[in-house]
N, C-alpha and C. Protein backbone atom coordinates (compact mmCIF):
# COMPACT_ATOMS: atom_id res chain seq x y z
N MET A 1 24.99 -33.11 -16.30
CA MET A 1 25.91 -31.98 -16.32
C MET A 1 27.49 -31.58 -15.25
N ASP A 2 27.81 -30.35 -16.39
CA ASP A 2 29.00 -30.32 -14.42
C ASP A 2 28.61 -30.38 -13.64
N PRO A 3 29.81 -30.92 -12.66
CA PRO A 3 29.25 -30.11 -11.03
C PRO A 3 28.40 -28.01 -10.82
N MET A 4 29.59 -27.66 -11.94
CA MET A 4 30.09 -26.70 -11.11
C MET A 4 29.27 -25.71 -12.48
N THR A 5 29.13 -26.28 -13.00
CA THR A 5 27.58 -25.55 -14.05
C THR A 5 26.35 -25.42 -13.64
N GLN A 6 26.46 -27.08 -12.46
CA GLN A 6 25.01 -26.90 -11.73
C GLN A 6 25.48 -26.11 -10.94
N SER A 7 26.19 -25.21 -10.21
CA SER A 7 26.82 -24.25 -9.27
C SER A 7 26.89 -24.02 -9.51
N ALA A 8 26.89 -22.86 -10.37
CA ALA A 8 26.57 -21.40 -11.36
C ALA A 8 25.07 -21.13 -11.19
N GLN A 9 24.86 -21.91 -11.30
CA GLN A 9 23.22 -22.02 -11.79
C GLN A 9 22.56 -21.59 -10.75
N ILE A 10 22.79 -22.81 -10.00
CA ILE A 10 22.32 -22.72 -9.09
C ILE A 10 22.39 -21.25 -7.73
N SER A 11 23.56 -21.08 -7.75
CA SER A 11 23.88 -19.31 -7.22
C SER A 11 23.21 -18.36 -8.47
N SER A 12 23.28 -18.20 -9.90
CA SER A 12 22.96 -17.49 -10.08
C SER A 12 21.16 -17.30 -9.07
N SER A 13 20.60 -18.10 -9.65
CA SER A 13 19.12 -18.46 -9.29
C SER A 13 19.11 -18.03 -8.23
N GLN A 14 19.68 -18.07 -7.54
CA GLN A 14 19.66 -17.84 -5.40
C GLN A 14 19.78 -16.38 -5.45
N GLY A 15 20.77 -15.35 -6.74
CA GLY A 15 20.71 -14.31 -6.37
C GLY A 15 20.29 -13.49 -7.43
N PHE A 16 19.58 -14.28 -8.15
CA PHE A 16 17.93 -14.51 -9.25
C PHE A 16 16.91 -13.31 -7.87
N ALA A 17 16.35 -14.98 -6.45
CA ALA A 17 15.75 -14.62 -5.86
C ALA A 17 15.53 -13.91 -4.90
N ASP A 18 17.18 -13.62 -4.82
CA ASP A 18 17.19 -12.25 -3.72
C ASP A 18 17.51 -11.15 -3.77
N GLY A 19 17.82 -11.14 -5.20
CA GLY A 19 18.00 -9.96 -6.10
C GLY A 19 15.50 -9.75 -5.55
N GLN A 20 14.91 -10.22 -5.92
CA GLN A 20 13.33 -10.02 -5.95
C GLN A 20 12.78 -10.01 -5.57
N ASN A 21 12.80 -10.64 -4.08
CA ASN A 21 13.65 -10.26 -2.84
C ASN A 21 13.25 -9.10 -1.98
N SER A 22 14.40 -8.61 -2.60
CA SER A 22 15.14 -7.54 -1.87
C SER A 22 14.75 -5.86 -2.88
N ALA A 23 13.85 -6.12 -3.60
CA ALA A 23 13.84 -5.40 -4.38
C ALA A 23 11.73 -5.38 -3.32
N VAL A 24 11.29 -6.08 -2.96
CA VAL A 24 9.76 -6.01 -2.62
C VAL A 24 9.74 -5.51 -1.46
N LYS A 25 10.47 -5.93 -0.35
CA LYS A 25 11.23 -5.37 0.73
C LYS A 25 10.97 -3.83 1.48
N GLU A 26 12.41 -3.47 -0.29
CA GLU A 26 12.70 -1.62 0.31
C GLU A 26 10.83 -1.03 0.03
N PRO A 27 9.72 -1.19 -1.07
CA PRO A 27 9.23 -0.17 -1.16
C PRO A 27 8.24 -0.62 -0.07
N LYS A 28 7.70 -1.92 1.30
CA LYS A 28 7.47 -2.48 1.94
C LYS A 28 8.79 -1.12 3.04
N GLN A 29 10.13 -1.17 3.12
CA GLN A 29 10.76 -0.92 3.85
C GLN A 29 10.02 0.96 3.93
N SER A 30 9.98 1.99 2.77
CA SER A 30 10.08 2.75 1.88
C SER A 30 8.66 3.11 2.93
N VAL A 31 7.90 2.19 2.88
CA VAL A 31 5.94 2.58 3.49
C VAL A 31 6.41 2.72 5.32
N LYS A 32 7.26 1.84 5.52
CA LYS A 32 7.04 1.68 7.01
C LYS A 32 7.75 2.34 7.70
N ASP A 33 9.13 2.98 7.25
CA ASP A 33 10.05 4.71 8.16
C ASP A 33 8.73 5.83 7.06
N LEU A 34 7.49 6.11 6.52
CA LEU A 34 6.82 7.21 6.69
C LEU A 34 5.90 7.13 7.83
N ILE A 35 5.45 5.74 7.89
CA ILE A 35 4.12 6.13 8.60
C ILE A 35 4.37 5.92 9.98
N HIS A 36 5.92 5.77 10.16
CA HIS A 36 6.86 6.10 11.56
C HIS A 36 7.35 6.66 11.59
N TRP A 37 7.03 8.05 10.96
CA TRP A 37 7.84 9.79 10.76
C TRP A 37 9.54 9.70 10.79
N ARG A 38 10.11 8.02 10.48
CA ARG A 38 11.26 8.00 10.53
C ARG A 38 11.72 10.07 9.57
N ASN A 39 11.33 10.43 9.72
CA ASN A 39 11.44 11.39 8.02
C ASN A 39 10.82 12.51 8.37
N PRO A 40 10.35 13.00 9.29
CA PRO A 40 9.72 13.93 9.39
C PRO A 40 9.10 15.40 8.38
N LYS A 41 9.33 15.45 7.74
CA LYS A 41 9.49 16.14 6.45
C LYS A 41 8.81 15.70 5.41
N ASN A 42 9.00 14.08 4.02
CA ASN A 42 8.88 13.34 4.28
C ASN A 42 7.64 12.96 4.66
N SER A 43 7.55 12.65 5.36
CA SER A 43 6.25 11.89 6.10
C SER A 43 5.44 12.86 6.27
N GLY A 44 5.56 14.60 6.33
CA GLY A 44 4.50 15.26 6.60
C GLY A 44 4.38 16.15 4.94
N LEU A 45 4.49 15.64 4.06
CA LEU A 45 4.76 15.79 2.73
C LEU A 45 3.27 15.19 2.33
N VAL A 46 4.21 13.65 2.29
CA VAL A 46 3.22 12.40 1.80
C VAL A 46 1.68 12.60 2.50
N PHE A 47 2.16 13.26 3.70
CA PHE A 47 0.49 13.00 4.10
C PHE A 47 -0.03 14.57 4.20
N GLY A 48 0.17 15.04 3.67
CA GLY A 48 -0.04 16.70 3.97
C GLY A 48 -0.86 16.02 1.86
N LEU A 49 -0.34 15.80 0.76
CA LEU A 49 -0.22 16.00 -0.20
C LEU A 49 -1.71 14.57 -0.47
N SER A 50 -1.45 13.44 0.63
CA SER A 50 -2.77 12.46 0.44
C SER A 50 -4.15 13.07 1.04
N MET A 51 -3.77 14.62 1.71
CA MET A 51 -5.42 14.65 2.49
C MET A 51 -5.35 15.40 1.41
N LEU A 52 -5.02 15.91 0.66
CA LEU A 52 -5.52 17.42 -0.41
C LEU A 52 -6.24 16.43 -1.15
N LEU A 53 -5.31 15.99 -1.44
CA LEU A 53 -6.37 14.52 -2.94
C LEU A 53 -7.25 14.18 -2.28
N LEU A 54 -7.04 13.68 -0.89
CA LEU A 54 -8.46 12.46 -0.61
C LEU A 54 -10.32 13.69 -0.19
N LEU A 55 -9.90 14.56 -0.38
CA LEU A 55 -9.72 16.09 0.40
C LEU A 55 -10.21 16.64 -0.63
N SER A 56 -9.93 17.16 -1.84
CA SER A 56 -10.93 17.36 -3.19
C SER A 56 -11.05 15.96 -3.74
N LEU A 57 -11.19 15.31 -3.31
CA LEU A 57 -11.71 14.45 -4.06
C LEU A 57 -12.83 13.95 -3.47
N ALA A 58 -13.49 14.83 -1.92
CA ALA A 58 -14.69 14.59 -1.06
C ALA A 58 -15.03 16.23 -1.71
N ALA A 59 -14.77 16.87 -2.26
CA ALA A 59 -15.36 17.55 -3.04
C ALA A 59 -15.65 18.01 -4.64
N PHE A 60 -14.78 17.85 -5.38
CA PHE A 60 -14.99 17.56 -6.55
C PHE A 60 -15.10 15.46 -6.68
N SER A 61 -15.33 15.37 -8.27
CA SER A 61 -15.49 14.62 -9.27
C SER A 61 -13.57 14.29 -9.21
N VAL A 62 -13.68 12.56 -9.46
CA VAL A 62 -12.19 12.51 -9.74
C VAL A 62 -11.99 12.54 -10.96
N ILE A 63 -12.93 13.46 -11.95
CA ILE A 63 -12.52 13.28 -13.51
C ILE A 63 -12.29 14.76 -13.57
N SER A 64 -12.43 16.29 -12.24
CA SER A 64 -12.03 17.72 -11.93
C SER A 64 -11.00 17.76 -11.42
N VAL A 65 -10.95 16.93 -9.98
CA VAL A 65 -9.39 16.69 -9.59
C VAL A 65 -8.38 16.08 -10.19
N ALA A 66 -8.39 15.10 -11.47
CA ALA A 66 -7.36 15.22 -12.15
C ALA A 66 -6.86 16.35 -13.13
N SER A 67 -7.95 16.51 -14.12
CA SER A 67 -8.13 17.98 -14.69
C SER A 67 -7.83 19.17 -13.41
N TYR A 68 -7.68 19.79 -12.96
CA TYR A 68 -6.63 21.05 -12.34
C TYR A 68 -6.16 20.60 -11.79
N LEU A 69 -5.65 18.91 -11.75
CA LEU A 69 -3.93 18.77 -10.74
C LEU A 69 -3.45 18.57 -12.12
N LEU A 70 -3.54 18.41 -13.52
CA LEU A 70 -2.55 18.60 -14.64
C LEU A 70 -2.38 19.99 -15.61
N LEU A 71 -3.34 21.01 -15.41
CA LEU A 71 -3.92 22.19 -16.05
C LEU A 71 -2.64 22.83 -14.80
N ALA A 72 -3.23 22.13 -13.79
CA ALA A 72 -1.29 23.36 -12.70
C ALA A 72 -0.11 22.95 -13.08
N LEU A 73 0.29 21.23 -13.27
CA LEU A 73 0.95 21.38 -14.15
C LEU A 73 1.60 21.84 -15.93
N LEU A 74 0.05 22.14 -16.39
CA LEU A 74 0.85 22.34 -17.55
C LEU A 74 0.80 23.70 -17.23
N CYS A 75 -0.26 24.86 -15.98
CA CYS A 75 0.57 26.23 -16.45
C CYS A 75 1.99 26.05 -15.23
N VAL A 76 2.02 25.42 -15.14
CA VAL A 76 3.36 25.77 -14.10
C VAL A 76 4.93 25.80 -15.48
N THR A 77 4.95 24.34 -16.40
CA THR A 77 5.66 23.91 -16.93
C THR A 77 5.72 23.95 -18.06
N ILE A 78 4.67 25.27 -19.01
CA ILE A 78 4.59 26.13 -19.57
C ILE A 78 4.88 27.85 -19.18
N THR A 79 4.79 28.44 -18.39
CA THR A 79 5.30 29.28 -17.78
C THR A 79 6.79 29.37 -17.98
N PHE A 80 7.53 28.14 -16.94
CA PHE A 80 8.89 28.37 -17.37
C PHE A 80 9.43 28.14 -18.45
N ARG A 81 9.21 26.84 -19.15
CA ARG A 81 9.52 28.07 -20.45
C ARG A 81 9.57 28.69 -21.05
N ILE A 82 8.12 29.69 -21.06
CA ILE A 82 8.39 30.47 -21.26
C ILE A 82 9.65 32.20 -20.73
N TYR A 83 9.51 31.60 -19.68
CA TYR A 83 10.86 32.11 -18.79
C TYR A 83 12.09 32.54 -19.00
N LYS A 84 12.04 31.02 -19.46
CA LYS A 84 14.00 30.24 -20.09
C LYS A 84 14.14 31.37 -21.40
N SER A 85 13.04 31.16 -22.03
CA SER A 85 12.56 31.84 -23.76
C SER A 85 13.05 33.22 -23.62
N VAL A 86 12.59 33.65 -22.66
CA VAL A 86 12.86 35.24 -22.54
C VAL A 86 14.11 35.69 -22.28
N VAL A 87 14.06 35.03 -21.28
CA VAL A 87 16.07 35.12 -19.72
C VAL A 87 17.09 34.95 -21.29
N GLN A 88 16.93 33.93 -22.19
CA GLN A 88 17.84 33.73 -23.25
C GLN A 88 17.76 34.51 -24.40
N ALA A 89 16.62 35.32 -24.88
CA ALA A 89 16.67 36.29 -25.42
C ALA A 89 17.65 37.74 -25.44
N VAL A 90 16.60 37.10 -23.96
CA VAL A 90 17.45 38.76 -23.65
C VAL A 90 19.45 38.80 -23.26
N GLN A 91 19.38 37.12 -22.73
CA GLN A 91 20.20 37.53 -22.44
C GLN A 91 21.65 37.03 -24.17
N LYS A 92 20.70 36.65 -25.06
CA LYS A 92 21.50 36.10 -25.65
C LYS A 92 22.55 34.85 -25.36
N SER A 93 21.91 34.06 -24.71
CA SER A 93 22.33 32.78 -24.90
C SER A 93 22.07 31.44 -25.39
N SER A 94 22.53 30.59 -25.85
CA SER A 94 22.21 28.61 -26.64
C SER A 94 21.91 28.06 -25.39
N GLU A 95 21.09 28.19 -24.04
CA GLU A 95 21.11 26.79 -23.22
C GLU A 95 20.29 26.21 -23.66
N GLY A 96 19.09 26.03 -24.31
CA GLY A 96 18.94 24.69 -24.71
C GLY A 96 17.30 25.06 -24.56
N HIS A 97 16.54 23.77 -24.89
CA HIS A 97 15.15 23.48 -23.94
C HIS A 97 15.13 23.24 -23.04
N PRO A 98 14.34 24.57 -21.86
CA PRO A 98 14.86 24.16 -19.76
C PRO A 98 14.86 22.62 -20.10
N PHE A 99 13.79 21.70 -20.55
CA PHE A 99 13.74 20.61 -19.94
C PHE A 99 14.65 18.73 -20.63
N LYS A 100 15.56 19.92 -21.07
CA LYS A 100 15.68 18.69 -22.36
C LYS A 100 16.28 17.65 -21.51
N ALA A 101 16.94 17.75 -20.38
CA ALA A 101 17.53 16.60 -19.91
C ALA A 101 16.71 16.37 -19.60
N LEU A 102 14.64 15.78 -19.12
CA LEU A 102 13.68 15.21 -18.84
C LEU A 102 13.55 14.28 -19.79
N ILE A 103 12.97 15.67 -20.73
CA ILE A 103 12.75 14.89 -21.68
C ILE A 103 14.09 14.14 -22.71
N ASP A 104 14.90 13.86 -22.79
CA ASP A 104 16.29 12.77 -22.94
C ASP A 104 16.01 11.72 -21.97
N LYS A 105 15.65 11.71 -21.39
CA LYS A 105 15.18 10.78 -19.65
C LYS A 105 14.22 9.79 -20.33
N ASP A 106 15.28 8.39 -20.45
CA ASP A 106 14.29 7.10 -20.12
C ASP A 106 12.53 6.88 -19.96
N VAL A 107 11.68 7.26 -19.69
CA VAL A 107 10.97 6.96 -18.64
C VAL A 107 9.65 5.19 -19.56
N SER A 108 10.19 4.79 -19.88
CA SER A 108 9.79 3.60 -20.22
C SER A 108 9.98 2.42 -19.28
N ILE A 109 9.00 1.31 -19.22
CA ILE A 109 8.90 0.66 -18.11
C ILE A 109 9.59 -0.27 -18.79
N PRO A 110 10.73 -0.85 -18.02
CA PRO A 110 11.84 -1.85 -18.80
C PRO A 110 10.84 -3.64 -18.64
N PRO A 111 10.43 -5.03 -19.13
CA PRO A 111 9.68 -5.30 -19.16
C PRO A 111 9.69 -6.17 -17.84
N GLU A 112 11.23 -6.65 -18.13
CA GLU A 112 11.35 -6.94 -16.40
C GLU A 112 10.89 -6.83 -14.96
N THR A 113 10.77 -5.34 -14.83
CA THR A 113 10.75 -4.76 -14.00
C THR A 113 8.86 -4.99 -14.14
N PHE A 114 8.15 -4.98 -15.28
CA PHE A 114 6.77 -5.08 -15.62
C PHE A 114 6.48 -6.67 -14.70
N ARG A 115 7.42 -7.91 -15.23
CA ARG A 115 6.77 -8.84 -14.43
C ARG A 115 7.25 -9.62 -13.60
N LYS A 116 8.33 -8.87 -12.45
CA LYS A 116 8.03 -8.78 -11.38
C LYS A 116 7.00 -8.41 -10.98
N HIS A 117 6.76 -6.81 -11.13
CA HIS A 117 5.78 -7.11 -10.19
C HIS A 117 4.06 -7.94 -10.54
N VAL A 118 3.86 -7.31 -11.96
CA VAL A 118 2.99 -8.70 -11.77
C VAL A 118 3.12 -9.98 -11.27
N ASP A 119 4.20 -10.58 -11.58
CA ASP A 119 4.61 -12.04 -10.72
C ASP A 119 3.98 -11.56 -8.36
N THR A 120 4.69 -10.54 -8.92
CA THR A 120 4.24 -10.55 -6.82
C THR A 120 2.59 -9.39 -6.34
N SER A 121 2.25 -9.06 -8.11
CA SER A 121 0.47 -8.88 -6.83
C SER A 121 0.00 -10.26 -7.75
N LEU A 122 -0.09 -11.35 -8.89
CA LEU A 122 -0.59 -12.01 -8.79
C LEU A 122 -0.40 -13.49 -7.30
N THR A 123 0.70 -13.21 -7.22
CA THR A 123 0.70 -13.69 -5.81
C THR A 123 0.18 -13.79 -4.33
N TYR A 124 -0.09 -11.84 -4.68
CA TYR A 124 -1.35 -11.30 -3.49
C TYR A 124 -3.15 -12.05 -3.78
N ILE A 125 -3.25 -12.30 -5.54
CA ILE A 125 -4.15 -12.07 -5.61
C ILE A 125 -4.70 -13.18 -6.43
N ASN A 126 -4.21 -14.13 -6.45
CA ASN A 126 -4.89 -15.94 -5.67
C ASN A 126 -4.25 -16.61 -3.85
N GLN A 127 -3.41 -15.24 -3.55
CA GLN A 127 -3.60 -15.58 -2.67
C GLN A 127 -4.88 -15.21 -1.26
N ALA A 128 -5.70 -14.20 -1.41
CA ALA A 128 -7.08 -13.36 -1.61
C ALA A 128 -7.82 -14.18 -2.48
N LEU A 129 -7.56 -14.67 -3.07
CA LEU A 129 -8.66 -16.15 -4.15
C LEU A 129 -8.79 -17.25 -3.37
N LYS A 130 -7.86 -17.87 -2.77
CA LYS A 130 -7.27 -18.65 -2.09
C LYS A 130 -7.91 -18.80 -1.02
N GLN A 131 -8.20 -16.84 -0.20
CA GLN A 131 -8.85 -16.67 1.52
C GLN A 131 -10.45 -16.94 0.81
N MET A 132 -10.54 -15.66 0.31
CA MET A 132 -12.01 -16.10 -0.34
C MET A 132 -12.69 -16.94 -0.69
N SER A 133 -12.40 -18.02 -0.52
CA SER A 133 -13.22 -19.44 -1.94
C SER A 133 -13.67 -20.07 -0.04
N ARG A 134 -11.84 -20.41 0.60
CA ARG A 134 -12.13 -20.54 1.94
C ARG A 134 -13.47 -20.20 3.07
N LEU A 135 -13.91 -18.56 3.60
CA LEU A 135 -14.22 -18.16 3.52
C LEU A 135 -15.53 -17.84 3.31
N PHE A 136 -15.76 -18.65 1.34
CA PHE A 136 -17.85 -17.95 1.10
C PHE A 136 -17.85 -19.49 1.22
N LEU A 137 -16.82 -20.33 0.62
CA LEU A 137 -17.33 -21.87 0.84
C LEU A 137 -17.37 -22.18 1.62
N VAL A 138 -18.02 -21.85 2.99
CA VAL A 138 -17.69 -22.15 4.73
C VAL A 138 -17.00 -23.11 5.29
N GLU A 139 -15.36 -23.83 4.59
CA GLU A 139 -14.43 -24.85 5.47
C GLU A 139 -14.66 -24.24 6.97
N ASP A 140 -14.66 -22.87 7.17
CA ASP A 140 -14.36 -23.55 8.89
C ASP A 140 -15.28 -22.14 8.74
N LEU A 141 -16.60 -23.50 10.17
CA LEU A 141 -17.87 -21.96 9.76
C LEU A 141 -17.70 -21.32 10.51
N VAL A 142 -16.66 -21.19 12.10
CA VAL A 142 -15.82 -19.85 12.56
C VAL A 142 -16.05 -18.35 12.07
N ASP A 143 -15.01 -18.79 11.19
CA ASP A 143 -14.18 -18.26 10.19
C ASP A 143 -15.62 -17.00 9.61
N SER A 144 -15.89 -17.80 8.74
CA SER A 144 -17.55 -17.67 8.14
C SER A 144 -18.47 -17.29 8.53
N LEU A 145 -18.68 -17.30 9.92
CA LEU A 145 -19.16 -16.66 10.75
C LEU A 145 -18.65 -14.44 11.42
N LYS A 146 -17.23 -15.07 10.97
CA LYS A 146 -16.11 -13.99 11.65
C LYS A 146 -17.23 -12.89 10.18
N LEU A 147 -16.52 -13.48 9.18
CA LEU A 147 -16.63 -12.73 7.73
C LEU A 147 -18.29 -11.89 8.16
N ALA A 148 -18.68 -13.10 8.59
CA ALA A 148 -20.98 -12.21 7.86
C ALA A 148 -20.54 -11.53 9.34
N VAL A 149 -20.28 -11.79 10.09
CA VAL A 149 -20.39 -9.81 11.47
C VAL A 149 -19.76 -8.89 10.55
N VAL A 150 -18.70 -8.71 10.50
CA VAL A 150 -18.06 -8.24 10.16
C VAL A 150 -18.79 -7.09 9.01
N MET A 151 -19.02 -8.30 8.06
CA MET A 151 -20.03 -7.31 7.00
C MET A 151 -20.97 -6.54 7.67
N TRP A 152 -21.16 -7.20 8.36
CA TRP A 152 -23.28 -6.85 8.98
C TRP A 152 -23.03 -5.24 9.94
N LEU A 153 -21.14 -5.75 9.66
CA LEU A 153 -21.10 -4.11 10.69
C LEU A 153 -20.75 -3.27 10.19
N LEU A 154 -20.61 -3.51 9.14
CA LEU A 154 -20.09 -3.19 7.63
C LEU A 154 -21.30 -2.18 6.82
N THR A 155 -22.00 -2.76 7.77
CA THR A 155 -23.57 -2.04 6.57
C THR A 155 -23.95 -1.25 7.34
N TYR A 156 -23.55 -1.13 8.92
CA TYR A 156 -23.47 0.27 9.53
C TYR A 156 -23.02 1.90 9.56
N VAL A 157 -21.71 1.15 8.92
CA VAL A 157 -20.03 2.35 8.80
C VAL A 157 -20.92 2.59 7.89
N GLY A 158 -21.13 1.98 6.62
CA GLY A 158 -20.95 2.37 5.42
C GLY A 158 -22.48 2.87 6.12
N ALA A 159 -23.99 3.32 6.10
CA ALA A 159 -24.85 4.36 6.23
C ALA A 159 -24.03 5.12 7.12
N VAL A 160 -23.34 5.13 7.94
CA VAL A 160 -22.65 7.08 8.48
C VAL A 160 -22.15 7.55 7.83
N PHE A 161 -20.30 6.78 6.99
CA PHE A 161 -19.99 7.11 6.31
C PHE A 161 -20.00 7.07 4.57
N ASN A 162 -19.49 7.19 3.79
CA ASN A 162 -19.24 7.54 1.96
C ASN A 162 -18.21 6.96 2.13
N GLY A 163 -17.59 6.39 1.39
CA GLY A 163 -16.58 5.65 0.80
C GLY A 163 -14.85 7.23 1.28
N ILE A 164 -14.99 7.75 0.44
CA ILE A 164 -13.94 9.02 0.40
C ILE A 164 -14.09 9.47 1.82
N THR A 165 -15.31 9.27 3.25
CA THR A 165 -15.13 10.48 4.20
C THR A 165 -14.66 8.88 5.22
N ILE A 166 -14.05 7.53 5.43
CA ILE A 166 -13.49 6.64 5.70
C ILE A 166 -12.20 6.16 5.00
N LEU A 167 -11.51 7.34 3.43
CA LEU A 167 -10.74 6.94 2.85
C LEU A 167 -10.06 7.70 4.24
N ILE A 168 -10.38 9.21 4.37
CA ILE A 168 -9.95 10.34 4.58
C ILE A 168 -9.74 9.78 6.83
N LEU A 169 -10.65 8.77 6.76
CA LEU A 169 -10.40 8.29 8.42
C LEU A 169 -9.10 7.01 8.14
N ALA A 170 -8.97 6.41 7.34
CA ALA A 170 -7.08 5.50 7.48
C ALA A 170 -6.80 6.24 6.93
N ASP A 171 -6.58 7.74 6.05
CA ASP A 171 -4.96 8.67 5.80
C ASP A 171 -4.36 8.52 7.16
N ILE A 172 -5.56 9.58 7.85
CA ILE A 172 -5.31 9.68 9.70
C ILE A 172 -4.37 8.76 11.07
N LEU A 173 -5.58 7.68 10.33
CA LEU A 173 -5.08 6.45 11.16
C LEU A 173 -3.96 5.90 10.76
N LEU A 174 -3.48 5.88 9.66
CA LEU A 174 -2.34 5.21 9.38
C LEU A 174 -1.59 5.75 9.37
N PHE A 175 -1.46 7.75 9.44
CA PHE A 175 0.07 8.31 10.03
C PHE A 175 -0.02 8.34 11.27
N ALA A 176 -0.98 8.39 12.33
CA ALA A 176 -1.34 8.40 13.09
C ALA A 176 -1.14 7.81 14.88
N VAL A 177 -1.73 6.18 14.70
CA VAL A 177 -1.13 5.06 14.89
C VAL A 177 -0.12 5.17 15.51
N PRO A 178 1.05 5.01 14.45
CA PRO A 178 2.17 3.69 14.44
C PRO A 178 3.18 4.38 15.41
N PRO A 179 3.13 5.73 14.85
CA PRO A 179 3.96 6.48 16.26
C PRO A 179 4.11 6.49 17.58
N ILE A 180 2.00 6.39 17.24
CA ILE A 180 1.39 5.72 18.67
C ILE A 180 1.96 5.35 19.92
N TYR A 181 2.27 4.48 18.50
CA TYR A 181 1.70 2.42 19.16
C TYR A 181 3.72 2.22 19.95
N GLU A 182 4.54 3.39 18.52
CA GLU A 182 6.04 2.84 18.98
C GLU A 182 6.27 3.63 20.16
N LYS A 183 5.46 4.30 20.38
CA LYS A 183 6.28 5.31 22.34
C LYS A 183 4.86 4.99 23.58
N ASN A 184 4.34 3.33 23.27
CA ASN A 184 2.89 3.44 24.00
C ASN A 184 3.42 1.64 24.24
N LYS A 185 4.47 1.29 23.15
CA LYS A 185 4.45 -0.25 22.81
C LYS A 185 4.05 -1.58 24.33
N THR A 186 5.04 -1.50 25.14
CA THR A 186 4.48 -2.29 25.84
C THR A 186 3.51 -2.28 26.69
N GLN A 187 2.99 -1.11 26.79
CA GLN A 187 1.33 -1.09 27.29
C GLN A 187 -0.04 -0.80 26.86
N ILE A 188 0.23 -0.78 25.03
CA ILE A 188 -1.14 -1.30 23.99
C ILE A 188 -1.06 -3.29 24.10
N ASP A 189 0.13 -3.49 23.67
CA ASP A 189 0.83 -5.68 23.48
C ASP A 189 0.26 -5.50 24.89
N GLN A 190 -0.81 -5.68 25.94
CA GLN A 190 -0.79 -5.85 27.40
C GLN A 190 -2.30 -6.04 26.75
N TYR A 191 -2.87 -4.84 26.46
CA TYR A 191 -4.07 -5.05 26.33
C TYR A 191 -3.96 -5.21 25.62
N ILE A 192 -4.23 -5.77 23.83
CA ILE A 192 -4.24 -6.34 22.61
C ILE A 192 -3.87 -7.79 23.37
N ASP A 193 -2.97 -8.92 24.27
CA ASP A 193 -2.82 -9.85 24.69
C ASP A 193 -4.73 -9.84 25.41
N LEU A 194 -4.76 -9.40 25.77
CA LEU A 194 -5.57 -9.15 27.20
C LEU A 194 -7.20 -9.23 25.86
N VAL A 195 -6.66 -8.86 24.55
CA VAL A 195 -8.26 -9.11 24.31
C VAL A 195 -8.55 -10.38 22.97
N HIS A 196 -7.08 -10.77 23.07
CA HIS A 196 -6.82 -11.05 21.95
C HIS A 196 -7.03 -13.37 22.29
N THR A 197 -6.36 -12.25 24.20
CA THR A 197 -6.95 -14.45 24.65
C THR A 197 -8.45 -14.31 24.90
N GLN A 198 -8.35 -13.26 25.35
CA GLN A 198 -10.68 -12.53 25.51
C GLN A 198 -11.88 -14.20 23.93
N VAL A 199 -11.54 -13.39 23.16
CA VAL A 199 -11.10 -13.39 21.79
C VAL A 199 -11.20 -15.11 21.95
N ASN A 200 -9.51 -15.57 20.95
CA ASN A 200 -9.26 -16.59 21.53
C ASN A 200 -10.84 -18.09 22.49
N THR A 201 -10.93 -17.52 23.44
CA THR A 201 -11.09 -18.24 24.59
C THR A 201 -12.59 -17.94 24.29
N THR A 202 -13.96 -16.90 23.00
CA THR A 202 -15.06 -16.96 23.60
C THR A 202 -14.64 -17.92 22.23
N MET A 203 -14.13 -17.57 20.92
CA MET A 203 -14.16 -18.32 19.57
C MET A 203 -13.95 -20.06 20.02
N THR A 204 -13.12 -20.30 20.95
CA THR A 204 -12.71 -22.28 21.02
C THR A 204 -14.52 -22.77 21.95
N LYS A 205 -14.98 -21.66 22.37
CA LYS A 205 -16.32 -22.53 23.36
C LYS A 205 -16.94 -22.51 21.93
N LEU A 206 -17.52 -21.25 21.55
CA LEU A 206 -18.98 -20.66 20.24
C LEU A 206 -17.70 -21.83 19.45
N GLN A 207 -16.95 -22.80 18.98
CA GLN A 207 -16.23 -23.82 17.94
C GLN A 207 -17.07 -25.04 19.31
N GLU A 208 -16.54 -25.33 19.15
CA GLU A 208 -17.38 -26.46 20.67
C GLU A 208 -18.97 -26.82 20.59
N LYS A 209 -19.25 -25.44 20.60
CA LYS A 209 -20.59 -26.04 21.06
C LYS A 209 -21.72 -26.15 18.87
N LEU A 210 -21.11 -25.47 17.93
CA LEU A 210 -21.33 -25.02 16.90
C LEU A 210 -21.32 -26.44 16.17
N PRO A 211 -22.50 -27.22 15.60
CA PRO A 211 -22.72 -28.88 15.05
C PRO A 211 -22.21 -28.82 13.17
N GLY A 212 -21.05 -30.01 12.95
CA GLY A 212 -20.31 -29.09 11.48
C GLY A 212 -19.07 -28.15 11.93
N ALA A 213 -18.55 -28.56 12.89
CA ALA A 213 -17.72 -26.72 12.45
C ALA A 213 -16.47 -27.56 12.24
N VAL A 214 -14.82 -27.24 11.45
CA VAL A 214 -13.97 -27.42 11.67
C VAL A 214 -13.36 -27.30 12.92
N LYS A 215 -12.79 -28.85 13.85
CA LYS A 215 -11.52 -28.35 15.05
C LYS A 215 -10.28 -28.22 14.52
N ARG A 216 -10.07 -26.63 15.22
CA ARG A 216 -8.05 -26.17 14.37
C ARG A 216 -7.69 -26.75 15.51
N SER A 217 -6.94 -26.53 15.15
CA SER A 217 -5.20 -27.97 15.32
C SER A 217 -4.79 -27.43 16.86
N LYS A 218 -4.35 -27.45 17.21
CA LYS A 218 -3.77 -26.85 18.39
C LYS A 218 -2.32 -25.91 18.09
N THR A 219 -1.96 -26.76 17.66
CA THR A 219 -0.91 -26.00 16.42
C THR A 219 -1.24 -24.55 15.95
N GLU A 220 -2.27 -24.29 15.84
CA GLU A 220 -3.41 -22.81 15.48
C GLU A 220 -3.35 -21.93 15.56
């Protein structure tokens, strides 16, 4: 193959890969900006809507919440459609359908975009399956014991809170913890390092005493 053709193919593949990486990074950056309250209006809006949705799900069923939301949307669009029709009739104007621009807009998902997101999701799914296989088949005894302890603790959490309550608490923490951590990063990191060191020391001692445990390399 011609060297220039090879170079062009390599450049195009690198450009495609860079485009995929940037497309993946952009949503992550947007989420990071939201939970760090870079734009208070956007963060407040997302937090308020998410809390409203979760509180609604706590009081009503999923079908009821979805039906109410769609009914409210229909009421708004129908009312606006009738209002514009009356205004056009009174003013004898011919502006046409008020939602014509939105109706003509292409809302279909391009196959490339769909495949890109499927490939990205598949990567995370495969990583999760590999990790689950490693934990449940006890590749490392200590890691499997950690999972067992976490699952045991979650049984107590589940006895106190239901799923919606946990989601509400998680939503509050998601929007409250990042700005607090950002303001007190130095002090919090010191405590985290201290706890991490103590946990690693305890796990190392436990691993040395457990028979059949897989020894970790120092690089890990």
